[in-house]
Each structure stands twice: as structure tokens, then as C-alpha cells.
């Protein structure tokens, strides 16, 4: 009986499977929001944060950012033209990768995970300096659910609430 219990215990140690989950957390707190061009406009659709060989990409529908003060927070579901994507590259990635008409050959994308749900929240405030008014768009993410389709693993420890602030004129 003792040998049987020992055998069952040893087998149970080897039968545990973590599902080959490689990504446990996503943290872009120390990364600043970036965009293509010298400054974003209301027509800008691509925003991203880079941390070494990882990137968190936010794609908005054209015209989502408006040069008008929002009455509270605008909530946009992550569906259709609004996407949140997490990518892992083979090496460090730079702004050029996202902003060149043809991305460079390296680094290559080794993993791409698109959000299956969640919300983008935008609060817009006006900032007037002299006769110039600019608009600050504070972008927040909530309930983002990233699911790795290759192994059906869900990333639940997301630390990407505050995506960042962009200013348009």
C-alpha cells in the first residue's frame, strides 16, 4: 500500500501541466505612449508602447479622438476597428518598426496576442495657452482579455490600466 501511494504521488508530480504558458504578466508602466509622425491628430489611429522586445499596440478607428472636451469618460469596446494587441519580437523593437511604410525585416514577431474583449476609455480635456487650444486625451484600458490562440491560455494579470495621454491641436 505504501509503495502504491508513493507511486501515485510521483506520477502526480510529473502529470502537472502548466499549459506551456510563457507570458504571465504584461507591464508597460515604465513605457511612454508613442505614435507615428511628429504629433498625433484626430485622424491618428495607431498608438503603441514598447518595452525591450515587447510591444502593446492600440488601434483606434479614425476620428475616435476629437478636439472637443468630453462630457465624462467615453467608453469604446475592443471590437472591430478598435484593437489591443500584444506582440513579442525576436529582439528589441523600435518606433521605426511601426512607422515605416514597410517594416524592417528584423526583429520578427515571435508571438502576437490580440485582445478578445475589454474597453478603451478616453477622457478629453482642453488646455489653452495664449490663443492656442490643445486637447489632452487620457487613454485607459479596462477588462482587457488577451487569449493566446495557439495554446488557449488567457493572460489575466494585466497591468495596463493607464495607457497614456496624447495631445492633439
N, C-alpha and C. Protein backbone atom coordinates (compact mmCIF):
# COMPACT_ATOMS: atom_id res chain seq x y z
N UNK A 1 0.83 -1.19 0.00
CA UNK A 1 0.00 0.00 0.00
C UNK A 1 0.87 1.25 0.00
N UNK A 2 1.94 1.21 0.83
CA UNK A 2 2.84 2.35 0.91
C UNK A 2 3.49 2.62 -0.45
N UNK A 3 3.90 1.57 -1.14
CA UNK A 3 4.50 1.72 -2.46
C UNK A 3 3.51 2.29 -3.46
N UNK A 4 2.26 1.88 -3.36
CA UNK A 4 1.23 2.39 -4.26
C UNK A 4 1.03 3.89 -4.06
N UNK A 5 0.97 4.33 -2.80
CA UNK A 5 0.81 5.76 -2.51
C UNK A 5 2.01 6.55 -3.01
N UNK A 6 3.20 6.03 -2.83
CA UNK A 6 4.41 6.69 -3.31
C UNK A 6 4.38 6.79 -4.84
N UNK A 7 3.95 5.73 -5.49
CA UNK A 7 3.86 5.71 -6.95
C UNK A 7 2.86 6.75 -7.45
N UNK A 8 1.68 6.83 -6.82
CA UNK A 8 0.66 7.80 -7.21
C UNK A 8 1.18 9.22 -7.01
N UNK A 9 1.89 9.46 -5.92
CA UNK A 9 2.44 10.79 -5.64
C UNK A 9 3.46 11.20 -6.70
N UNK A 10 4.36 10.29 -7.03
CA UNK A 10 5.39 10.58 -8.03
C UNK A 10 4.76 10.84 -9.39
N UNK A 11 3.78 10.04 -9.78
CA UNK A 11 3.09 10.22 -11.06
C UNK A 11 2.39 11.57 -11.09
N UNK A 12 1.76 11.96 -9.99
CA UNK A 12 1.04 13.25 -9.98
C UNK A 12 2.00 14.42 -10.14
N UNK A 13 3.24 14.30 -9.67
CA UNK A 13 4.22 15.37 -9.85
C UNK A 13 4.57 15.55 -11.33
N UNK A 14 4.67 14.47 -12.05
CA UNK A 14 5.04 14.53 -13.46
C UNK A 14 3.85 14.83 -14.37
N UNK A 15 2.65 14.64 -13.89
CA UNK A 15 1.50 14.85 -14.76
C UNK A 15 0.97 16.28 -14.72
N UNK A 16 1.50 17.13 -13.85
CA UNK A 16 1.05 18.52 -13.80
C UNK A 16 1.54 19.25 -15.03
N UNK A 17 0.65 20.00 -15.65
CA UNK A 17 0.98 20.73 -16.88
C UNK A 17 0.57 22.17 -16.71
N UNK A 18 1.49 23.08 -16.97
CA UNK A 18 1.16 24.49 -16.86
C UNK A 18 0.58 25.04 -18.15
N UNK A 19 0.33 24.19 -19.13
CA UNK A 19 -0.26 24.64 -20.39
C UNK A 19 0.74 25.38 -21.26
N UNK A 20 2.02 25.27 -20.97
CA UNK A 20 3.06 25.96 -21.72
C UNK A 20 2.84 27.46 -21.78
N UNK A 21 2.25 28.02 -20.75
CA UNK A 21 2.03 29.46 -20.70
C UNK A 21 3.37 30.15 -20.51
N UNK A 22 3.75 30.98 -21.47
CA UNK A 22 5.02 31.66 -21.41
C UNK A 22 4.88 33.05 -20.80
N UNK A 23 3.74 33.68 -20.95
CA UNK A 23 3.53 35.05 -20.51
C UNK A 23 2.61 35.04 -19.30
N UNK A 24 3.09 35.54 -18.20
CA UNK A 24 2.27 35.58 -17.00
C UNK A 24 1.77 36.97 -16.70
N UNK A 25 2.58 37.98 -16.99
CA UNK A 25 2.18 39.36 -16.74
C UNK A 25 2.60 40.23 -17.91
N UNK A 26 1.89 41.32 -18.06
CA UNK A 26 2.24 42.33 -19.05
C UNK A 26 2.31 43.64 -18.29
N UNK A 27 3.47 44.28 -18.34
CA UNK A 27 3.65 45.50 -17.58
C UNK A 27 4.36 46.54 -18.45
N UNK A 28 3.65 47.59 -18.80
CA UNK A 28 4.20 48.68 -19.61
C UNK A 28 4.15 50.00 -18.85
N UNK A 29 4.16 49.93 -17.52
CA UNK A 29 4.07 51.14 -16.69
C UNK A 29 5.20 52.12 -16.96
N UNK A 30 6.40 51.62 -17.22
CA UNK A 30 7.55 52.50 -17.43
C UNK A 30 7.73 52.90 -18.88
N UNK A 31 6.81 52.51 -19.75
CA UNK A 31 6.90 52.84 -21.17
C UNK A 31 5.97 54.00 -21.49
N UNK A 32 6.43 54.87 -22.37
CA UNK A 32 5.61 56.00 -22.77
C UNK A 32 4.83 55.67 -24.04
N UNK A 33 3.69 56.30 -24.18
CA UNK A 33 2.87 56.10 -25.37
C UNK A 33 3.58 56.75 -26.56
N UNK A 34 3.60 56.04 -27.68
CA UNK A 34 4.24 56.54 -28.90
C UNK A 34 3.25 56.49 -30.05
N UNK A 35 3.57 57.21 -31.11
CA UNK A 35 2.73 57.30 -32.30
C UNK A 35 3.63 57.68 -33.46
N UNK A 36 3.13 57.54 -34.65
CA UNK A 36 3.90 57.88 -35.83
C UNK A 36 3.68 59.36 -36.16
N UNK A 37 4.71 59.99 -36.69
CA UNK A 37 4.64 61.42 -37.01
C UNK A 37 5.15 62.26 -35.86
N UNK A 38 5.18 63.57 -36.07
CA UNK A 38 5.71 64.47 -35.04
C UNK A 38 4.72 64.70 -33.92
N UNK A 39 3.43 64.66 -34.21
CA UNK A 39 2.41 64.79 -33.16
C UNK A 39 1.12 64.13 -33.65
N UNK A 40 0.36 63.56 -32.73
CA UNK A 40 -0.88 62.90 -33.14
C UNK A 40 -1.94 63.92 -33.56
N UNK A 41 -2.88 63.46 -34.37
CA UNK A 41 -4.01 64.28 -34.79
C UNK A 41 -5.29 63.51 -34.49
N UNK A 42 -6.43 64.12 -34.77
CA UNK A 42 -7.70 63.42 -34.56
C UNK A 42 -7.85 62.26 -35.54
N UNK A 43 -7.03 62.22 -36.57
CA UNK A 43 -7.08 61.11 -37.53
C UNK A 43 -6.09 59.99 -37.19
N UNK A 44 -5.28 60.17 -36.15
CA UNK A 44 -4.31 59.15 -35.75
C UNK A 44 -5.06 57.90 -35.28
N UNK A 45 -4.56 56.75 -35.69
CA UNK A 45 -5.22 55.50 -35.32
C UNK A 45 -4.30 54.52 -34.60
N UNK A 46 -2.99 54.72 -34.68
CA UNK A 46 -2.04 53.76 -34.13
C UNK A 46 -1.24 54.38 -32.99
N UNK A 47 -1.33 53.74 -31.82
CA UNK A 47 -0.58 54.15 -30.64
C UNK A 47 0.06 52.89 -30.07
N UNK A 48 1.26 53.02 -29.52
CA UNK A 48 1.94 51.83 -29.03
C UNK A 48 2.88 52.18 -27.89
N UNK A 49 3.18 51.15 -27.10
CA UNK A 49 4.16 51.25 -26.02
C UNK A 49 5.15 50.11 -26.24
N UNK A 50 6.42 50.44 -26.08
CA UNK A 50 7.49 49.47 -26.31
C UNK A 50 8.26 49.26 -25.02
N UNK A 51 8.54 47.99 -24.74
CA UNK A 51 9.40 47.65 -23.60
C UNK A 51 10.35 46.55 -24.06
N UNK A 52 11.54 46.95 -24.50
CA UNK A 52 12.53 45.99 -24.99
C UNK A 52 12.05 45.29 -26.24
N UNK A 53 11.78 43.99 -26.11
CA UNK A 53 11.33 43.19 -27.25
C UNK A 53 9.83 42.92 -27.22
N UNK A 54 9.10 43.74 -26.46
CA UNK A 54 7.65 43.59 -26.36
C UNK A 54 6.98 44.91 -26.75
N UNK A 55 5.76 44.80 -27.27
CA UNK A 55 5.00 46.00 -27.63
C UNK A 55 3.52 45.76 -27.32
N UNK A 56 2.88 46.82 -26.85
CA UNK A 56 1.45 46.83 -26.63
C UNK A 56 0.89 47.85 -27.60
N UNK A 57 0.03 47.42 -28.49
CA UNK A 57 -0.43 48.24 -29.61
C UNK A 57 -1.92 48.52 -29.46
N UNK A 58 -2.28 49.78 -29.59
CA UNK A 58 -3.68 50.20 -29.56
C UNK A 58 -4.03 50.77 -30.92
N UNK A 59 -5.03 50.19 -31.56
CA UNK A 59 -5.52 50.69 -32.83
C UNK A 59 -6.92 51.23 -32.62
N UNK A 60 -7.12 52.49 -32.97
CA UNK A 60 -8.43 53.13 -32.84
C UNK A 60 -9.00 53.41 -34.22
N UNK A 61 -10.30 53.50 -34.32
CA UNK A 61 -10.93 53.90 -35.57
C UNK A 61 -10.58 55.36 -35.83
N UNK A 62 -10.40 55.73 -37.08
CA UNK A 62 -10.09 57.11 -37.43
C UNK A 62 -11.20 58.03 -36.91
N UNK A 63 -10.81 59.13 -36.31
CA UNK A 63 -11.78 60.08 -35.78
C UNK A 63 -12.24 59.79 -34.36
N UNK A 64 -11.68 58.76 -33.72
CA UNK A 64 -12.06 58.45 -32.34
C UNK A 64 -11.67 59.60 -31.42
N UNK A 65 -10.45 60.12 -31.64
CA UNK A 65 -10.01 61.29 -30.86
C UNK A 65 -10.66 62.52 -31.47
N UNK A 66 -11.27 63.32 -30.63
CA UNK A 66 -11.95 64.53 -31.10
C UNK A 66 -11.41 65.75 -30.37
N UNK A 67 -11.29 66.84 -31.09
CA UNK A 67 -10.84 68.09 -30.48
C UNK A 67 -12.02 68.81 -29.85
N UNK A 68 -12.56 68.15 -28.85
CA UNK A 68 -13.64 68.72 -28.06
C UNK A 68 -13.61 68.06 -26.68
N UNK A 69 -13.99 68.82 -25.69
CA UNK A 69 -13.98 68.32 -24.32
C UNK A 69 -15.06 67.25 -24.19
N UNK A 70 -14.69 66.12 -23.61
CA UNK A 70 -15.67 65.05 -23.42
C UNK A 70 -16.47 65.32 -22.15
N UNK A 71 -17.71 64.95 -22.21
CA UNK A 71 -18.57 65.05 -21.03
C UNK A 71 -18.42 63.74 -20.26
N UNK A 72 -17.38 63.66 -19.47
CA UNK A 72 -17.07 62.41 -18.77
C UNK A 72 -16.18 61.54 -19.62
N UNK A 73 -16.17 60.28 -19.29
CA UNK A 73 -15.31 59.32 -19.96
C UNK A 73 -16.07 58.62 -21.08
N UNK A 74 -15.46 58.55 -22.26
CA UNK A 74 -16.05 57.83 -23.38
C UNK A 74 -15.54 56.39 -23.32
N UNK A 75 -16.44 55.43 -23.41
CA UNK A 75 -16.06 54.01 -23.34
C UNK A 75 -16.28 53.37 -24.70
N UNK A 76 -15.23 52.74 -25.23
CA UNK A 76 -15.29 52.11 -26.55
C UNK A 76 -14.95 50.63 -26.38
N UNK A 77 -15.82 49.73 -26.83
CA UNK A 77 -15.48 48.30 -26.72
C UNK A 77 -14.35 47.92 -27.67
N UNK A 78 -13.54 46.96 -27.25
CA UNK A 78 -12.46 46.45 -28.08
C UNK A 78 -13.06 45.43 -29.04
N UNK A 79 -13.52 45.94 -30.17
CA UNK A 79 -14.08 45.11 -31.26
C UNK A 79 -13.92 45.88 -32.56
N UNK A 80 -13.99 45.19 -33.67
CA UNK A 80 -13.95 45.86 -34.98
C UNK A 80 -12.67 46.65 -35.19
N UNK A 81 -12.82 47.98 -35.37
CA UNK A 81 -11.68 48.85 -35.65
C UNK A 81 -10.86 49.22 -34.41
N UNK A 82 -11.37 48.93 -33.24
CA UNK A 82 -10.64 49.20 -32.01
C UNK A 82 -10.02 47.90 -31.53
N UNK A 83 -8.67 47.88 -31.50
CA UNK A 83 -7.96 46.64 -31.15
C UNK A 83 -6.85 46.92 -30.16
N UNK A 84 -6.59 45.94 -29.32
CA UNK A 84 -5.43 45.95 -28.43
C UNK A 84 -4.66 44.67 -28.74
N UNK A 85 -3.39 44.83 -29.08
CA UNK A 85 -2.56 43.70 -29.47
C UNK A 85 -1.26 43.72 -28.67
N UNK A 86 -0.86 42.55 -28.23
CA UNK A 86 0.41 42.39 -27.53
C UNK A 86 1.32 41.56 -28.43
N UNK A 87 2.55 42.07 -28.66
CA UNK A 87 3.50 41.35 -29.52
C UNK A 87 4.82 41.15 -28.79
N UNK A 88 5.40 40.00 -29.06
CA UNK A 88 6.75 39.70 -28.61
C UNK A 88 7.61 39.56 -29.87
N UNK A 89 8.75 40.22 -29.87
CA UNK A 89 9.65 40.20 -31.02
C UNK A 89 10.90 39.40 -30.71
N UNK A 90 11.64 39.04 -31.76
CA UNK A 90 12.87 38.26 -31.61
C UNK A 90 14.00 39.07 -31.00
N UNK A 91 13.88 40.40 -31.01
CA UNK A 91 14.91 41.28 -30.46
C UNK A 91 14.25 42.61 -30.11
N UNK A 92 15.02 43.55 -29.61
CA UNK A 92 14.46 44.85 -29.27
C UNK A 92 13.80 45.48 -30.49
N UNK A 93 12.69 46.15 -30.26
CA UNK A 93 11.94 46.77 -31.34
C UNK A 93 11.95 48.28 -31.12
N UNK A 94 11.83 49.04 -32.21
CA UNK A 94 11.84 50.50 -32.10
C UNK A 94 10.62 51.08 -32.81
N UNK A 95 10.46 52.37 -32.67
CA UNK A 95 9.36 53.11 -33.30
C UNK A 95 9.36 52.92 -34.82
N UNK A 96 10.55 52.80 -35.40
CA UNK A 96 10.67 52.62 -36.86
C UNK A 96 9.90 51.40 -37.35
N UNK A 97 9.86 50.36 -36.53
CA UNK A 97 9.14 49.15 -36.93
C UNK A 97 7.68 49.46 -37.25
N UNK A 98 7.06 50.32 -36.44
CA UNK A 98 5.64 50.63 -36.60
C UNK A 98 5.38 51.76 -37.58
N UNK A 99 6.35 52.65 -37.78
CA UNK A 99 6.10 53.87 -38.53
C UNK A 99 6.63 53.87 -39.96
N UNK A 100 7.48 52.94 -40.32
CA UNK A 100 7.94 52.86 -41.70
C UNK A 100 6.86 52.23 -42.56
N UNK A 101 6.72 52.69 -43.80
CA UNK A 101 5.71 52.08 -44.68
C UNK A 101 5.90 50.56 -44.82
N UNK A 102 7.16 50.13 -44.88
CA UNK A 102 7.47 48.70 -44.89
C UNK A 102 8.28 48.40 -43.63
N UNK A 103 7.75 47.57 -42.75
CA UNK A 103 8.50 47.27 -41.52
C UNK A 103 9.84 46.62 -41.86
N UNK A 104 10.86 46.86 -41.04
CA UNK A 104 12.16 46.22 -41.28
C UNK A 104 12.04 44.70 -41.17
N UNK A 105 13.00 44.01 -41.78
CA UNK A 105 12.99 42.54 -41.78
C UNK A 105 13.23 41.98 -40.39
N UNK A 106 13.95 42.71 -39.56
CA UNK A 106 14.19 42.28 -38.18
C UNK A 106 13.92 43.44 -37.26
N UNK A 107 13.45 43.23 -36.08
CA UNK A 107 13.15 41.94 -35.47
C UNK A 107 11.85 41.37 -36.04
N UNK A 108 11.68 40.09 -35.87
CA UNK A 108 10.46 39.45 -36.34
C UNK A 108 9.51 39.21 -35.16
N UNK A 109 8.24 39.14 -35.46
CA UNK A 109 7.23 38.87 -34.45
C UNK A 109 7.28 37.38 -34.12
N UNK A 110 7.53 37.06 -32.85
CA UNK A 110 7.55 35.65 -32.45
C UNK A 110 6.22 35.23 -31.84
N UNK A 111 5.48 36.21 -31.33
CA UNK A 111 4.16 35.90 -30.78
C UNK A 111 3.28 37.14 -30.86
N UNK A 112 2.03 36.94 -31.24
CA UNK A 112 1.07 38.05 -31.31
C UNK A 112 -0.23 37.59 -30.67
N UNK A 113 -0.69 38.39 -29.70
CA UNK A 113 -1.92 38.04 -29.00
C UNK A 113 -2.85 39.24 -29.06
N UNK A 114 -4.02 39.04 -29.60
CA UNK A 114 -5.00 40.12 -29.73
C UNK A 114 -6.06 40.00 -28.64
N UNK A 115 -6.47 41.14 -28.11
CA UNK A 115 -7.49 41.15 -27.06
C UNK A 115 -8.81 40.62 -27.60
N UNK A 116 -9.47 39.81 -26.80
CA UNK A 116 -10.76 39.23 -27.17
C UNK A 116 -11.91 40.00 -26.54
N UNK A 117 -11.60 41.04 -25.79
CA UNK A 117 -12.63 41.83 -25.14
C UNK A 117 -12.01 42.92 -24.32
N UNK A 118 -12.84 43.75 -23.74
CA UNK A 118 -12.37 44.83 -22.91
C UNK A 118 -12.83 46.17 -23.45
N UNK A 119 -12.33 47.23 -22.83
CA UNK A 119 -12.76 48.58 -23.19
C UNK A 119 -11.59 49.55 -23.22
N UNK A 120 -11.72 50.53 -24.10
CA UNK A 120 -10.82 51.68 -24.14
C UNK A 120 -11.64 52.85 -23.61
N UNK A 121 -11.09 53.56 -22.64
CA UNK A 121 -11.76 54.72 -22.04
C UNK A 121 -10.95 55.95 -22.39
N UNK A 122 -11.62 56.98 -22.91
CA UNK A 122 -10.93 58.22 -23.29
C UNK A 122 -11.62 59.39 -22.62
N UNK A 123 -10.82 60.20 -21.93
CA UNK A 123 -11.31 61.44 -21.34
C UNK A 123 -10.53 62.58 -21.99
N UNK A 124 -11.22 63.53 -22.56
CA UNK A 124 -10.57 64.64 -23.26
C UNK A 124 -10.82 65.95 -22.52
N UNK A 125 -9.72 66.66 -22.29
CA UNK A 125 -9.80 67.98 -21.66
C UNK A 125 -9.09 68.99 -22.55
N UNK A 126 -9.50 70.26 -22.46
CA UNK A 126 -8.89 71.33 -23.23
C UNK A 126 -7.82 72.01 -22.39
N UNK A 127 -6.76 72.43 -23.07
CA UNK A 127 -5.67 73.15 -22.41
C UNK A 127 -5.37 74.36 -23.28
N UNK A 128 -5.60 75.56 -22.73
CA UNK A 128 -5.41 76.79 -23.50
C UNK A 128 -4.17 77.52 -23.01
N UNK A 129 -3.29 77.83 -23.96
CA UNK A 129 -2.10 78.63 -23.68
C UNK A 129 -2.09 79.78 -24.67
N UNK A 130 -2.36 80.99 -24.17
CA UNK A 130 -2.47 82.14 -25.06
C UNK A 130 -3.69 81.98 -25.94
N UNK A 131 -3.47 82.01 -27.23
CA UNK A 131 -4.59 81.85 -28.18
C UNK A 131 -4.66 80.44 -28.75
N UNK A 132 -3.82 79.55 -28.25
CA UNK A 132 -3.78 78.18 -28.76
C UNK A 132 -4.45 77.22 -27.79
N UNK A 133 -5.37 76.44 -28.31
CA UNK A 133 -6.04 75.42 -27.51
C UNK A 133 -5.61 74.05 -28.01
N UNK A 134 -5.17 73.22 -27.09
CA UNK A 134 -4.86 71.83 -27.42
C UNK A 134 -5.77 70.94 -26.58
N UNK A 135 -5.84 69.68 -26.96
CA UNK A 135 -6.73 68.74 -26.29
C UNK A 135 -5.93 67.54 -25.81
N UNK A 136 -6.04 67.26 -24.52
CA UNK A 136 -5.35 66.13 -23.94
C UNK A 136 -6.32 64.96 -23.82
N UNK A 137 -5.93 63.85 -24.42
CA UNK A 137 -6.75 62.63 -24.42
C UNK A 137 -6.09 61.62 -23.50
N UNK A 138 -6.68 61.40 -22.34
CA UNK A 138 -6.18 60.40 -21.41
C UNK A 138 -6.81 59.07 -21.79
N UNK A 139 -5.98 58.10 -22.12
CA UNK A 139 -6.45 56.80 -22.60
C UNK A 139 -6.19 55.75 -21.52
N UNK A 140 -7.25 55.05 -21.18
CA UNK A 140 -7.20 53.99 -20.17
C UNK A 140 -7.78 52.71 -20.76
N UNK A 141 -7.30 51.59 -20.32
CA UNK A 141 -7.82 50.28 -20.76
C UNK A 141 -8.42 49.58 -19.55
N UNK A 142 -9.49 48.83 -19.78
CA UNK A 142 -10.07 48.04 -18.68
C UNK A 142 -10.63 46.73 -19.22
N UNK A 143 -10.62 45.74 -18.37
CA UNK A 143 -11.18 44.42 -18.66
C UNK A 143 -10.60 43.79 -19.93
N UNK A 144 -9.37 44.15 -20.26
CA UNK A 144 -8.73 43.59 -21.45
C UNK A 144 -8.47 42.11 -21.21
N UNK A 145 -8.90 41.30 -22.15
CA UNK A 145 -8.74 39.86 -22.05
C UNK A 145 -7.92 39.37 -23.23
N UNK A 146 -6.66 39.07 -22.97
CA UNK A 146 -5.77 38.57 -24.02
C UNK A 146 -5.77 37.05 -23.97
N UNK A 147 -6.05 36.44 -25.11
CA UNK A 147 -6.11 34.98 -25.18
C UNK A 147 -5.14 34.52 -26.25
N UNK A 148 -4.20 33.69 -25.85
CA UNK A 148 -3.24 33.12 -26.78
C UNK A 148 -3.94 31.99 -27.53
N UNK A 149 -4.19 32.18 -28.81
CA UNK A 149 -4.96 31.20 -29.60
C UNK A 149 -4.20 29.89 -29.82
N UNK A 150 -2.86 29.94 -29.77
CA UNK A 150 -2.12 28.71 -30.03
C UNK A 150 -2.23 27.70 -28.90
N UNK A 151 -2.34 28.18 -27.66
CA UNK A 151 -2.47 27.23 -26.54
C UNK A 151 -3.68 27.54 -25.67
N UNK A 152 -4.54 28.44 -26.14
CA UNK A 152 -5.80 28.77 -25.48
C UNK A 152 -5.61 29.21 -24.03
N UNK A 153 -4.50 29.88 -23.75
CA UNK A 153 -4.24 30.38 -22.41
C UNK A 153 -4.64 31.85 -22.33
N UNK A 154 -5.24 32.22 -21.23
CA UNK A 154 -5.70 33.59 -21.00
C UNK A 154 -4.70 34.29 -20.09
N UNK A 155 -4.34 35.52 -20.47
CA UNK A 155 -3.46 36.33 -19.63
C UNK A 155 -4.36 37.19 -18.77
N UNK A 156 -4.30 36.96 -17.47
CA UNK A 156 -5.23 37.65 -16.58
C UNK A 156 -4.57 38.72 -15.72
N UNK A 157 -3.29 38.64 -15.51
CA UNK A 157 -2.61 39.62 -14.67
C UNK A 157 -2.14 40.77 -15.54
N UNK A 158 -3.07 41.61 -15.97
CA UNK A 158 -2.75 42.71 -16.85
C UNK A 158 -2.54 43.98 -16.05
N UNK A 159 -1.41 44.59 -16.24
CA UNK A 159 -1.11 45.84 -15.54
C UNK A 159 -1.01 46.95 -16.58
N UNK A 160 -2.06 47.11 -17.36
CA UNK A 160 -2.04 48.07 -18.46
C UNK A 160 -3.21 49.03 -18.37
N UNK A 161 -3.66 49.34 -17.15
CA UNK A 161 -4.80 50.23 -16.99
C UNK A 161 -4.59 51.59 -17.65
N UNK A 162 -3.52 52.28 -17.29
CA UNK A 162 -3.28 53.61 -17.83
C UNK A 162 -2.41 53.48 -19.08
N UNK A 163 -3.00 53.64 -20.24
CA UNK A 163 -2.23 53.51 -21.48
C UNK A 163 -1.40 54.76 -21.73
N UNK A 164 -1.97 55.94 -21.43
CA UNK A 164 -1.18 57.16 -21.59
C UNK A 164 -2.04 58.32 -22.04
N UNK A 165 -1.38 59.45 -22.25
CA UNK A 165 -2.05 60.67 -22.68
C UNK A 165 -1.40 61.18 -23.96
N UNK A 166 -2.24 61.53 -24.94
CA UNK A 166 -1.75 62.16 -26.17
C UNK A 166 -2.45 63.52 -26.31
N UNK A 167 -1.75 64.44 -26.95
CA UNK A 167 -2.27 65.80 -27.13
C UNK A 167 -2.44 66.09 -28.60
N UNK A 168 -3.61 66.59 -28.97
CA UNK A 168 -3.88 67.00 -30.34
C UNK A 168 -4.20 68.49 -30.36
N UNK A 169 -4.04 69.10 -31.53
CA UNK A 169 -4.35 70.53 -31.68
C UNK A 169 -5.36 70.75 -32.76
